Protein backbone atom coordinates (compact mmCIF):
# COMPACT_ATOMS: atom_id res chain seq x y z
CA MET A 1 -23.79 20.76 14.12
CA LEU A 2 -25.10 21.13 17.62
CA ILE A 3 -25.00 17.96 19.68
CA THR A 4 -27.12 16.79 22.57
CA PRO A 5 -25.19 15.36 25.51
CA ARG A 6 -26.47 12.24 27.18
CA PRO A 7 -27.81 12.81 30.69
CA GLY A 8 -24.89 12.79 33.08
CA ALA A 9 -22.24 13.33 30.38
CA GLU A 10 -19.75 16.03 31.25
CA ARG A 11 -19.15 18.71 28.65
CA LYS A 12 -15.41 18.65 29.33
CA ASN A 13 -15.27 14.94 28.46
CA ILE A 14 -17.36 15.49 25.33
CA ARG A 15 -15.01 18.25 24.18
CA GLN A 16 -11.98 16.01 24.77
CA VAL A 17 -13.46 13.12 22.80
CA LEU A 18 -14.56 15.42 19.96
CA SER A 19 -11.12 17.01 19.88
CA GLY A 20 -9.50 13.57 19.57
CA VAL A 21 -11.94 12.51 16.86
CA HIS A 22 -11.23 15.73 14.96
CA SER A 23 -7.45 15.36 15.27
CA THR A 24 -7.59 11.81 14.00
CA ALA A 25 -9.79 12.87 11.07
CA MET A 26 -7.32 15.59 10.14
CA ASN A 27 -4.47 13.07 10.22
CA LEU A 28 -6.40 10.85 7.79
CA GLN A 29 -6.22 13.54 5.11
CA ARG A 30 -3.30 12.10 3.21
CA PRO A 31 -2.70 10.20 -0.01
CA TYR A 32 -3.58 6.50 -0.01
CA LEU A 33 -2.17 3.81 -2.27
CA THR A 34 -5.66 2.70 -3.29
CA ALA A 35 -9.24 3.87 -2.92
CA PHE A 36 -9.91 0.75 -0.86
CA GLU A 37 -7.21 1.72 1.63
CA GLY A 38 -8.76 5.17 2.01
CA LEU A 39 -12.29 3.80 2.38
CA TRP A 40 -11.23 1.19 4.95
CA THR A 41 -9.29 3.80 6.90
CA TYR A 42 -12.31 6.11 6.95
CA LEU A 43 -14.61 3.23 7.94
CA GLU A 44 -12.33 2.29 10.84
CA TRP A 45 -12.14 5.93 11.96
CA ALA A 46 -15.91 6.39 11.80
CA THR A 47 -16.56 3.13 13.65
CA GLU A 48 -14.07 3.96 16.40
CA SER A 49 -15.41 7.52 16.66
CA ALA A 50 -18.96 6.24 17.08
CA ARG A 51 -17.76 3.83 19.77
CA MET A 52 -16.00 6.61 21.68
CA LEU A 53 -18.96 8.99 21.42
CA ARG A 54 -21.66 6.41 22.23
CA SER A 55 -21.67 7.13 25.96
CA GLN A 56 -21.36 10.89 25.51
CA ILE A 57 -23.92 12.08 22.94
CA SER A 58 -27.50 11.27 22.00
CA ASP A 59 -28.49 8.40 19.73
CA ARG A 60 -29.96 10.91 17.28
CA ASP A 61 -26.57 12.62 16.96
CA LEU A 62 -24.76 9.29 16.62
CA ASP A 63 -27.15 8.33 13.83
CA VAL A 64 -25.55 11.00 11.63
CA LEU A 65 -22.21 9.19 11.89
CA ASN A 66 -23.80 5.74 11.71
CA VAL A 67 -25.44 6.59 8.39
CA ARG A 68 -21.99 7.40 7.00
CA ILE A 69 -20.61 4.13 8.35
CA VAL A 70 -23.33 2.17 6.55
CA GLU A 71 -22.84 4.15 3.33
CA ILE A 72 -19.06 3.58 3.28
CA ALA A 73 -19.44 -0.11 4.16
CA GLY A 74 -21.92 -0.50 1.30
CA LEU A 75 -19.57 1.29 -1.08
CA ILE A 76 -16.69 -0.99 -0.11
CA ALA A 77 -18.85 -4.08 -0.61
CA ARG A 78 -20.08 -2.87 -4.01
CA LEU A 79 -16.60 -1.96 -5.21
CA GLN A 80 -15.20 -5.30 -4.11
CA GLY A 81 -17.98 -7.07 -5.97
CA LEU A 82 -17.58 -5.04 -9.15
CA SER A 83 -13.82 -4.99 -9.56
CA LEU A 84 -11.93 -8.11 -10.56
CA ASP A 85 -8.71 -6.39 -9.55
CA SER A 86 -9.92 -5.15 -6.18
CA PRO A 87 -8.08 -6.48 -3.17
CA ARG A 88 -10.07 -9.03 -1.26
CA ASP A 89 -10.18 -7.99 2.33
CA ASP A 90 -11.16 -10.43 5.04
CA ARG A 91 -12.24 -7.72 7.45
CA PRO A 92 -15.94 -8.18 8.23
CA VAL A 93 -17.76 -5.07 7.04
CA ASP A 94 -20.96 -5.98 8.90
CA GLY A 95 -19.02 -6.70 12.09
CA GLU A 96 -17.41 -3.28 11.94
CA ILE A 97 -20.80 -1.62 11.66
CA GLY A 98 -22.24 -3.61 14.53
CA ARG A 99 -19.45 -2.75 16.92
CA GLY A 100 -19.27 0.95 16.06
CA ALA A 101 -22.89 1.77 15.64
CA ARG A 102 -24.27 0.52 18.94
């Protein structure tokens, strides 16, 4: 995917942020005790990645990641509502989206 830098953003900084985001994503590829743990971990990574990239790349490019954040948050909410055995997590899904997305 080609990205569009924000006006004034330095390519060196963008590469450093993207490298860090990529490294973190690679470290997340491991077994999780539950699907919820994996989904929450991915949601936190995506939210933090969007926050770090917000000042570097265009809104259109961030929207690609933000769509994934919303999809994963919705999946977590649905799974928690459907499963009687699912762990109840007090982390605010909507709050996570709001902070990461914009």
